[in-house]
Amino acid sequence: MDMIWVYIWIGVIVLTVVTEAATMGLTSIWFTFGALVAWIIAMCGGPLWLQWLCFVVVSGLMLAFTRPLAVKYLKPKKVATNVDALAGREGKVVTEIQPIQGTGQVKVDGQIWSAKVENTDVNLPVGSLVEVLRVEGVKLVVRAKTAEE
């Protein structure tokens, strides 16, 4: 009867590895290590309570100590692309920005965008340098750059 647990732990190992391979979300790999230790104890004839204790303890320790490191180094970092990458860029006013009329255009990285100023009572003349704060819909929200910037 004790040898049945050798096969059960092998099944747990296979199941957790397959689950991890299918999800790639760092969800079950920690239990693989716990099951591996429990399998080794079962192969050596250790009692069932020791197998379960080692499974729980090793899985918990792996989860607690290695998961934060794995998440930090294995998860891809979000890279701003397209419109998200415009925030913080510098642009030049090509059509006067008039907040009351809601008109104006800015050239950023060679592309012309509709724009509005963050401060709604300020007109920005052609040639003014601006900083893109964010994108709202299809318009850039900008602010005038000062001489120190």
N, C-alpha and C. Protein backbone atom coordinates (compact mmCIF):
# COMPACT_ATOMS: atom_id res chain seq x y z
N MET A 1 0.82 -1.20 0.00
CA MET A 1 0.00 0.00 0.00
C MET A 1 0.86 1.26 0.00
N ASP A 2 2.03 1.21 0.66
CA ASP A 2 2.88 2.39 0.74
C ASP A 2 3.47 2.76 -0.61
N MET A 3 3.70 1.78 -1.48
CA MET A 3 4.29 2.07 -2.79
C MET A 3 3.32 2.83 -3.70
N ILE A 4 2.05 2.80 -3.39
CA ILE A 4 1.09 3.54 -4.21
C ILE A 4 1.40 5.03 -4.17
N TRP A 5 1.92 5.52 -3.04
CA TRP A 5 2.23 6.95 -2.93
C TRP A 5 3.40 7.36 -3.82
N VAL A 6 4.28 6.44 -4.15
CA VAL A 6 5.36 6.74 -5.11
C VAL A 6 4.73 7.15 -6.44
N TYR A 7 3.72 6.39 -6.86
CA TYR A 7 3.06 6.69 -8.14
C TYR A 7 2.16 7.93 -8.04
N ILE A 8 1.56 8.12 -6.89
CA ILE A 8 0.72 9.32 -6.70
C ILE A 8 1.58 10.58 -6.78
N TRP A 9 2.73 10.56 -6.13
CA TRP A 9 3.61 11.74 -6.18
C TRP A 9 4.15 11.97 -7.60
N ILE A 10 4.43 10.89 -8.32
CA ILE A 10 4.84 11.06 -9.73
C ILE A 10 3.71 11.71 -10.52
N GLY A 11 2.48 11.27 -10.25
CA GLY A 11 1.32 11.89 -10.91
C GLY A 11 1.19 13.36 -10.58
N VAL A 12 1.43 13.73 -9.31
CA VAL A 12 1.36 15.14 -8.90
C VAL A 12 2.46 15.93 -9.61
N ILE A 13 3.63 15.37 -9.70
CA ILE A 13 4.74 16.05 -10.39
C ILE A 13 4.38 16.29 -11.85
N VAL A 14 3.91 15.26 -12.52
CA VAL A 14 3.53 15.39 -13.93
C VAL A 14 2.41 16.42 -14.09
N LEU A 15 1.40 16.34 -13.24
CA LEU A 15 0.27 17.26 -13.32
C LEU A 15 0.70 18.72 -13.12
N THR A 16 1.56 18.97 -12.15
CA THR A 16 1.98 20.35 -11.91
C THR A 16 2.89 20.87 -13.01
N VAL A 17 3.74 20.01 -13.55
CA VAL A 17 4.60 20.43 -14.66
C VAL A 17 3.76 20.72 -15.91
N VAL A 18 2.81 19.86 -16.21
CA VAL A 18 1.94 20.09 -17.37
C VAL A 18 1.12 21.36 -17.19
N THR A 19 0.59 21.57 -15.98
CA THR A 19 -0.18 22.79 -15.71
C THR A 19 0.69 24.02 -15.90
N GLU A 20 1.90 23.97 -15.40
CA GLU A 20 2.80 25.12 -15.55
C GLU A 20 3.14 25.36 -17.01
N ALA A 21 3.39 24.31 -17.75
CA ALA A 21 3.70 24.44 -19.17
C ALA A 21 2.52 25.02 -19.94
N ALA A 22 1.33 24.67 -19.55
CA ALA A 22 0.13 25.15 -20.25
C ALA A 22 -0.17 26.60 -19.91
N THR A 23 0.10 27.03 -18.68
CA THR A 23 -0.27 28.39 -18.27
C THR A 23 0.88 29.38 -18.37
N MET A 24 2.09 28.93 -18.14
CA MET A 24 3.28 29.80 -18.13
C MET A 24 3.06 31.01 -17.23
N GLY A 25 2.34 30.80 -16.14
CA GLY A 25 2.04 31.92 -15.26
C GLY A 25 2.66 31.80 -13.88
N LEU A 26 3.64 30.94 -13.73
CA LEU A 26 4.27 30.70 -12.44
C LEU A 26 3.22 30.38 -11.38
N THR A 27 2.36 29.40 -11.70
CA THR A 27 1.27 29.06 -10.80
C THR A 27 1.47 27.75 -10.06
N SER A 28 2.04 26.76 -10.70
CA SER A 28 2.10 25.45 -10.06
C SER A 28 3.50 24.87 -9.95
N ILE A 29 4.49 25.54 -10.45
CA ILE A 29 5.84 24.99 -10.44
C ILE A 29 6.35 24.78 -9.01
N TRP A 30 5.86 25.60 -8.08
CA TRP A 30 6.30 25.51 -6.69
C TRP A 30 5.88 24.18 -6.07
N PHE A 31 4.72 23.68 -6.47
CA PHE A 31 4.22 22.41 -5.94
C PHE A 31 4.98 21.23 -6.53
N THR A 32 5.59 21.43 -7.68
CA THR A 32 6.40 20.38 -8.29
C THR A 32 7.57 20.02 -7.37
N PHE A 33 8.19 21.04 -6.81
CA PHE A 33 9.33 20.79 -5.92
C PHE A 33 8.89 20.09 -4.65
N GLY A 34 7.75 20.50 -4.11
CA GLY A 34 7.22 19.83 -2.93
C GLY A 34 6.90 18.37 -3.21
N ALA A 35 6.29 18.11 -4.36
CA ALA A 35 5.95 16.73 -4.74
C ALA A 35 7.21 15.91 -4.99
N LEU A 36 8.24 16.54 -5.52
CA LEU A 36 9.50 15.84 -5.76
C LEU A 36 10.12 15.37 -4.44
N VAL A 37 10.13 16.25 -3.44
CA VAL A 37 10.67 15.87 -2.14
C VAL A 37 9.81 14.77 -1.51
N ALA A 38 8.50 14.90 -1.62
CA ALA A 38 7.60 13.87 -1.08
C ALA A 38 7.82 12.54 -1.80
N TRP A 39 8.06 12.57 -3.09
CA TRP A 39 8.32 11.35 -3.86
C TRP A 39 9.60 10.67 -3.38
N ILE A 40 10.64 11.49 -3.13
CA ILE A 40 11.91 10.93 -2.64
C ILE A 40 11.70 10.26 -1.29
N ILE A 41 10.93 10.90 -0.42
CA ILE A 41 10.65 10.30 0.90
C ILE A 41 9.85 9.01 0.73
N ALA A 42 8.90 9.01 -0.19
CA ALA A 42 8.10 7.78 -0.45
C ALA A 42 8.99 6.67 -0.98
N MET A 43 9.94 7.01 -1.86
CA MET A 43 10.86 6.00 -2.40
C MET A 43 11.74 5.40 -1.30
N CYS A 44 12.05 6.21 -0.29
CA CYS A 44 12.89 5.73 0.82
C CYS A 44 12.07 5.02 1.88
N GLY A 45 10.76 4.95 1.69
CA GLY A 45 9.90 4.25 2.65
C GLY A 45 9.44 5.11 3.81
N GLY A 46 9.52 6.41 3.67
CA GLY A 46 9.09 7.31 4.74
C GLY A 46 7.59 7.24 4.96
N PRO A 47 7.13 7.58 6.17
CA PRO A 47 5.70 7.52 6.47
C PRO A 47 4.91 8.58 5.69
N LEU A 48 3.63 8.32 5.52
CA LEU A 48 2.76 9.20 4.74
C LEU A 48 2.68 10.60 5.35
N TRP A 49 2.63 10.68 6.67
CA TRP A 49 2.53 12.00 7.31
C TRP A 49 3.77 12.85 7.00
N LEU A 50 4.94 12.20 6.94
CA LEU A 50 6.19 12.92 6.62
C LEU A 50 6.18 13.39 5.16
N GLN A 51 5.66 12.55 4.28
CA GLN A 51 5.57 12.92 2.87
C GLN A 51 4.71 14.18 2.72
N TRP A 52 3.54 14.16 3.35
CA TRP A 52 2.64 15.31 3.25
C TRP A 52 3.23 16.56 3.91
N LEU A 53 3.86 16.37 5.05
CA LEU A 53 4.48 17.50 5.74
C LEU A 53 5.55 18.14 4.87
N CYS A 54 6.41 17.31 4.30
CA CYS A 54 7.47 17.83 3.42
C CYS A 54 6.90 18.48 2.17
N PHE A 55 5.84 17.89 1.61
CA PHE A 55 5.19 18.48 0.43
C PHE A 55 4.70 19.89 0.75
N VAL A 56 4.01 20.04 1.87
CA VAL A 56 3.45 21.35 2.24
C VAL A 56 4.55 22.34 2.58
N VAL A 57 5.53 21.92 3.38
CA VAL A 57 6.60 22.83 3.80
C VAL A 57 7.46 23.26 2.62
N VAL A 58 7.91 22.32 1.81
CA VAL A 58 8.77 22.66 0.66
C VAL A 58 8.01 23.52 -0.34
N SER A 59 6.76 23.19 -0.62
CA SER A 59 5.97 24.00 -1.55
C SER A 59 5.79 25.41 -1.02
N GLY A 60 5.50 25.52 0.27
CA GLY A 60 5.33 26.84 0.89
C GLY A 60 6.61 27.66 0.87
N LEU A 61 7.73 27.02 1.20
CA LEU A 61 9.01 27.74 1.17
C LEU A 61 9.38 28.19 -0.24
N MET A 62 9.18 27.31 -1.20
CA MET A 62 9.48 27.68 -2.60
C MET A 62 8.61 28.86 -3.03
N LEU A 63 7.35 28.80 -2.68
CA LEU A 63 6.42 29.87 -3.04
C LEU A 63 6.82 31.18 -2.37
N ALA A 64 7.14 31.11 -1.09
CA ALA A 64 7.45 32.33 -0.33
C ALA A 64 8.77 32.97 -0.73
N PHE A 65 9.78 32.16 -0.98
CA PHE A 65 11.11 32.73 -1.20
C PHE A 65 11.52 32.91 -2.65
N THR A 66 11.03 32.06 -3.53
CA THR A 66 11.50 32.18 -4.92
C THR A 66 10.50 32.85 -5.85
N ARG A 67 9.23 32.84 -5.53
CA ARG A 67 8.24 33.45 -6.42
C ARG A 67 8.49 34.95 -6.63
N PRO A 68 8.74 35.74 -5.57
CA PRO A 68 9.00 37.17 -5.80
C PRO A 68 10.18 37.41 -6.75
N LEU A 69 11.24 36.61 -6.60
CA LEU A 69 12.40 36.76 -7.49
C LEU A 69 12.05 36.36 -8.92
N ALA A 70 11.33 35.26 -9.05
CA ALA A 70 10.96 34.79 -10.38
C ALA A 70 10.05 35.78 -11.08
N VAL A 71 9.10 36.33 -10.36
CA VAL A 71 8.19 37.31 -10.96
C VAL A 71 8.97 38.55 -11.38
N LYS A 72 9.89 38.98 -10.55
CA LYS A 72 10.67 40.19 -10.85
C LYS A 72 11.52 40.02 -12.11
N TYR A 73 12.15 38.86 -12.26
CA TYR A 73 13.09 38.68 -13.36
C TYR A 73 12.51 38.01 -14.59
N LEU A 74 11.41 37.29 -14.46
CA LEU A 74 10.88 36.55 -15.60
C LEU A 74 9.70 37.23 -16.28
N LYS A 75 8.98 38.07 -15.57
CA LYS A 75 7.84 38.76 -16.18
C LYS A 75 8.36 39.88 -17.07
N PRO A 76 7.83 39.99 -18.28
CA PRO A 76 8.29 41.07 -19.16
C PRO A 76 7.84 42.42 -18.63
N LYS A 77 8.70 43.39 -18.82
CA LYS A 77 8.36 44.75 -18.41
C LYS A 77 7.51 45.41 -19.47
N LYS A 78 6.58 46.23 -19.05
CA LYS A 78 5.71 46.92 -19.99
C LYS A 78 6.48 48.06 -20.63
N VAL A 79 6.50 48.06 -21.94
CA VAL A 79 7.19 49.10 -22.70
C VAL A 79 6.13 49.96 -23.37
N ALA A 80 6.22 51.26 -23.12
CA ALA A 80 5.26 52.16 -23.74
C ALA A 80 5.50 52.21 -25.25
N THR A 81 4.44 52.02 -26.01
CA THR A 81 4.54 52.06 -27.46
C THR A 81 3.47 52.96 -28.02
N ASN A 82 3.63 53.33 -29.27
CA ASN A 82 2.65 54.13 -29.99
C ASN A 82 2.24 55.36 -29.19
N VAL A 83 0.97 55.51 -28.94
CA VAL A 83 0.45 56.71 -28.28
C VAL A 83 0.95 56.81 -26.85
N ASP A 84 1.09 55.69 -26.15
CA ASP A 84 1.55 55.72 -24.77
C ASP A 84 2.96 56.32 -24.65
N ALA A 85 3.74 56.18 -25.70
CA ALA A 85 5.12 56.66 -25.66
C ALA A 85 5.22 58.17 -25.87
N LEU A 86 4.15 58.83 -26.20
CA LEU A 86 4.20 60.27 -26.45
C LEU A 86 4.29 61.11 -25.18
N ALA A 87 3.78 60.62 -24.08
CA ALA A 87 3.83 61.37 -22.82
C ALA A 87 5.28 61.67 -22.46
N GLY A 88 5.54 62.94 -22.16
CA GLY A 88 6.89 63.38 -21.81
C GLY A 88 7.71 63.86 -22.98
N ARG A 89 7.24 63.64 -24.20
CA ARG A 89 7.98 64.08 -25.39
C ARG A 89 7.82 65.59 -25.60
N GLU A 90 8.74 66.13 -26.35
CA GLU A 90 8.70 67.55 -26.69
C GLU A 90 8.14 67.71 -28.09
N GLY A 91 7.35 68.76 -28.27
CA GLY A 91 6.78 69.04 -29.58
C GLY A 91 6.84 70.52 -29.88
N LYS A 92 6.45 70.86 -31.11
CA LYS A 92 6.47 72.26 -31.55
C LYS A 92 5.10 72.58 -32.12
N VAL A 93 4.56 73.72 -31.72
CA VAL A 93 3.24 74.14 -32.19
C VAL A 93 3.35 74.53 -33.66
N VAL A 94 2.52 73.94 -34.53
CA VAL A 94 2.53 74.25 -35.96
C VAL A 94 1.28 75.04 -36.36
N THR A 95 0.22 74.94 -35.59
CA THR A 95 -0.99 75.75 -35.76
C THR A 95 -1.34 76.25 -34.38
N GLU A 96 -1.54 77.57 -34.25
CA GLU A 96 -1.78 78.17 -32.93
C GLU A 96 -2.84 77.39 -32.16
N ILE A 97 -2.51 77.13 -30.91
CA ILE A 97 -3.46 76.43 -30.05
C ILE A 97 -4.34 77.46 -29.37
N GLN A 98 -5.63 77.40 -29.68
CA GLN A 98 -6.60 78.33 -29.12
C GLN A 98 -7.62 77.53 -28.30
N PRO A 99 -7.52 77.57 -26.99
CA PRO A 99 -8.36 76.73 -26.16
C PRO A 99 -9.86 77.02 -26.31
N ILE A 100 -10.23 78.25 -26.48
CA ILE A 100 -11.65 78.59 -26.57
C ILE A 100 -12.26 78.02 -27.85
N GLN A 101 -11.55 78.11 -28.97
CA GLN A 101 -12.05 77.55 -30.22
C GLN A 101 -11.80 76.04 -30.30
N GLY A 102 -10.91 75.54 -29.47
CA GLY A 102 -10.60 74.11 -29.49
C GLY A 102 -9.76 73.70 -30.69
N THR A 103 -8.94 74.62 -31.18
CA THR A 103 -8.11 74.32 -32.34
C THR A 103 -6.64 74.38 -31.97
N GLY A 104 -5.83 73.77 -32.78
CA GLY A 104 -4.39 73.82 -32.61
C GLY A 104 -3.76 72.49 -32.96
N GLN A 105 -2.51 72.58 -33.42
CA GLN A 105 -1.79 71.36 -33.79
C GLN A 105 -0.34 71.45 -33.33
N VAL A 106 0.19 70.27 -33.02
CA VAL A 106 1.56 70.16 -32.54
C VAL A 106 2.26 69.08 -33.36
N LYS A 107 3.53 69.31 -33.64
CA LYS A 107 4.33 68.31 -34.35
C LYS A 107 5.24 67.63 -33.32
N VAL A 108 5.07 66.30 -33.19
CA VAL A 108 5.87 65.50 -32.26
C VAL A 108 6.45 64.33 -33.04
N ASP A 109 7.75 64.20 -33.00
CA ASP A 109 8.44 63.09 -33.69
C ASP A 109 8.03 62.99 -35.15
N GLY A 110 7.90 64.12 -35.80
CA GLY A 110 7.60 64.14 -37.23
C GLY A 110 6.13 63.96 -37.57
N GLN A 111 5.27 63.77 -36.58
CA GLN A 111 3.84 63.61 -36.83
C GLN A 111 3.08 64.80 -36.26
N ILE A 112 2.04 65.19 -36.99
CA ILE A 112 1.22 66.32 -36.56
C ILE A 112 -0.02 65.78 -35.85
N TRP A 113 -0.27 66.32 -34.65
CA TRP A 113 -1.38 65.90 -33.81
C TRP A 113 -2.25 67.10 -33.46
N SER A 114 -3.55 66.88 -33.33
CA SER A 114 -4.41 67.90 -32.74
C SER A 114 -4.00 68.02 -31.28
N ALA A 115 -4.09 69.24 -30.76
CA ALA A 115 -3.63 69.43 -29.39
C ALA A 115 -4.47 70.46 -28.66
N LYS A 116 -4.45 70.34 -27.35
CA LYS A 116 -5.06 71.34 -26.49
C LYS A 116 -4.13 71.54 -25.31
N VAL A 117 -4.22 72.74 -24.71
CA VAL A 117 -3.34 73.03 -23.58
C VAL A 117 -4.00 72.61 -22.29
N GLU A 118 -3.17 72.30 -21.33
CA GLU A 118 -3.68 71.89 -20.02
C GLU A 118 -4.38 73.07 -19.36
N ASN A 119 -3.77 74.24 -19.44
CA ASN A 119 -4.36 75.45 -18.88
C ASN A 119 -5.26 76.06 -19.96
N THR A 120 -6.57 76.04 -19.76
CA THR A 120 -7.52 76.37 -20.83
C THR A 120 -7.59 77.84 -21.19
N ASP A 121 -6.93 78.72 -20.48
CA ASP A 121 -7.03 80.15 -20.83
C ASP A 121 -5.75 80.71 -21.46
N VAL A 122 -4.91 79.85 -21.98
CA VAL A 122 -3.64 80.28 -22.57
C VAL A 122 -3.58 79.87 -24.03
N ASN A 123 -3.34 80.84 -24.93
CA ASN A 123 -3.08 80.53 -26.34
C ASN A 123 -1.60 80.28 -26.50
N LEU A 124 -1.25 79.32 -27.36
CA LEU A 124 0.16 79.06 -27.66
C LEU A 124 0.41 79.37 -29.13
N PRO A 125 1.29 80.33 -29.43
CA PRO A 125 1.55 80.71 -30.82
C PRO A 125 2.39 79.66 -31.56
N VAL A 126 2.38 79.77 -32.88
CA VAL A 126 3.18 78.89 -33.73
C VAL A 126 4.65 79.01 -33.34
N GLY A 127 5.33 77.88 -33.27
CA GLY A 127 6.75 77.85 -32.93
C GLY A 127 7.03 77.62 -31.46
N SER A 128 6.01 77.67 -30.62
CA SER A 128 6.20 77.43 -29.19
C SER A 128 6.59 75.97 -28.95
N LEU A 129 7.47 75.78 -27.99
CA LEU A 129 7.83 74.42 -27.60
C LEU A 129 6.89 73.97 -26.48
N VAL A 130 6.43 72.74 -26.59
CA VAL A 130 5.51 72.20 -25.61
C VAL A 130 5.96 70.82 -25.16
N GLU A 131 5.45 70.39 -24.02
CA GLU A 131 5.68 69.04 -23.53
C GLU A 131 4.34 68.32 -23.52
N VAL A 132 4.34 67.09 -24.04
CA VAL A 132 3.13 66.29 -24.07
C VAL A 132 2.92 65.71 -22.68
N LEU A 133 1.74 65.98 -22.11
CA LEU A 133 1.41 65.45 -20.79
C LEU A 133 0.69 64.11 -20.87
N ARG A 134 -0.26 64.01 -21.81
CA ARG A 134 -1.03 62.77 -21.96
C ARG A 134 -1.81 62.85 -23.26
N VAL A 135 -2.48 61.78 -23.58
CA VAL A 135 -3.33 61.71 -24.76
C VAL A 135 -4.76 61.52 -24.29
N GLU A 136 -5.66 62.35 -24.78
CA GLU A 136 -7.09 62.22 -24.49
C GLU A 136 -7.82 62.06 -25.81
N GLY A 137 -8.29 60.87 -26.05
CA GLY A 137 -8.94 60.59 -27.33
C GLY A 137 -7.90 60.65 -28.43
N VAL A 138 -8.09 61.62 -29.36
CA VAL A 138 -7.14 61.78 -30.45
C VAL A 138 -6.37 63.08 -30.33
N LYS A 139 -6.47 63.75 -29.17
CA LYS A 139 -5.76 65.01 -28.94
C LYS A 139 -4.69 64.84 -27.89
N LEU A 140 -3.59 65.56 -28.13
CA LEU A 140 -2.54 65.61 -27.13
C LEU A 140 -2.86 66.73 -26.15
N VAL A 141 -2.66 66.48 -24.89
CA VAL A 141 -2.76 67.53 -23.87
C VAL A 141 -1.33 67.96 -23.59
N VAL A 142 -1.06 69.26 -23.80
CA VAL A 142 0.31 69.76 -23.71
C VAL A 142 0.38 70.92 -22.73
N ARG A 143 1.61 71.25 -22.37
CA ARG A 143 1.86 72.47 -21.60
C ARG A 143 3.08 73.14 -22.20
N ALA A 144 3.10 74.46 -22.10
CA ALA A 144 4.21 75.22 -22.67
C ALA A 144 5.48 74.94 -21.88
N LYS A 145 6.57 74.81 -22.61
CA LYS A 145 7.87 74.63 -21.94
C LYS A 145 8.42 76.01 -21.60
N THR A 146 9.01 76.11 -20.42
CA THR A 146 9.61 77.37 -20.02
C THR A 146 11.05 77.44 -20.49
N ALA A 147 11.65 78.63 -20.37
CA ALA A 147 13.02 78.82 -20.84
C ALA A 147 14.02 77.94 -20.09
N GLU A 148 13.77 77.64 -18.79
CA GLU A 148 14.70 76.82 -18.03
C GLU A 148 14.69 75.36 -18.47
N GLU A 149 13.60 74.93 -19.05
CA GLU A 149 13.48 73.53 -19.45
C GLU A 149 14.22 73.35 -20.74
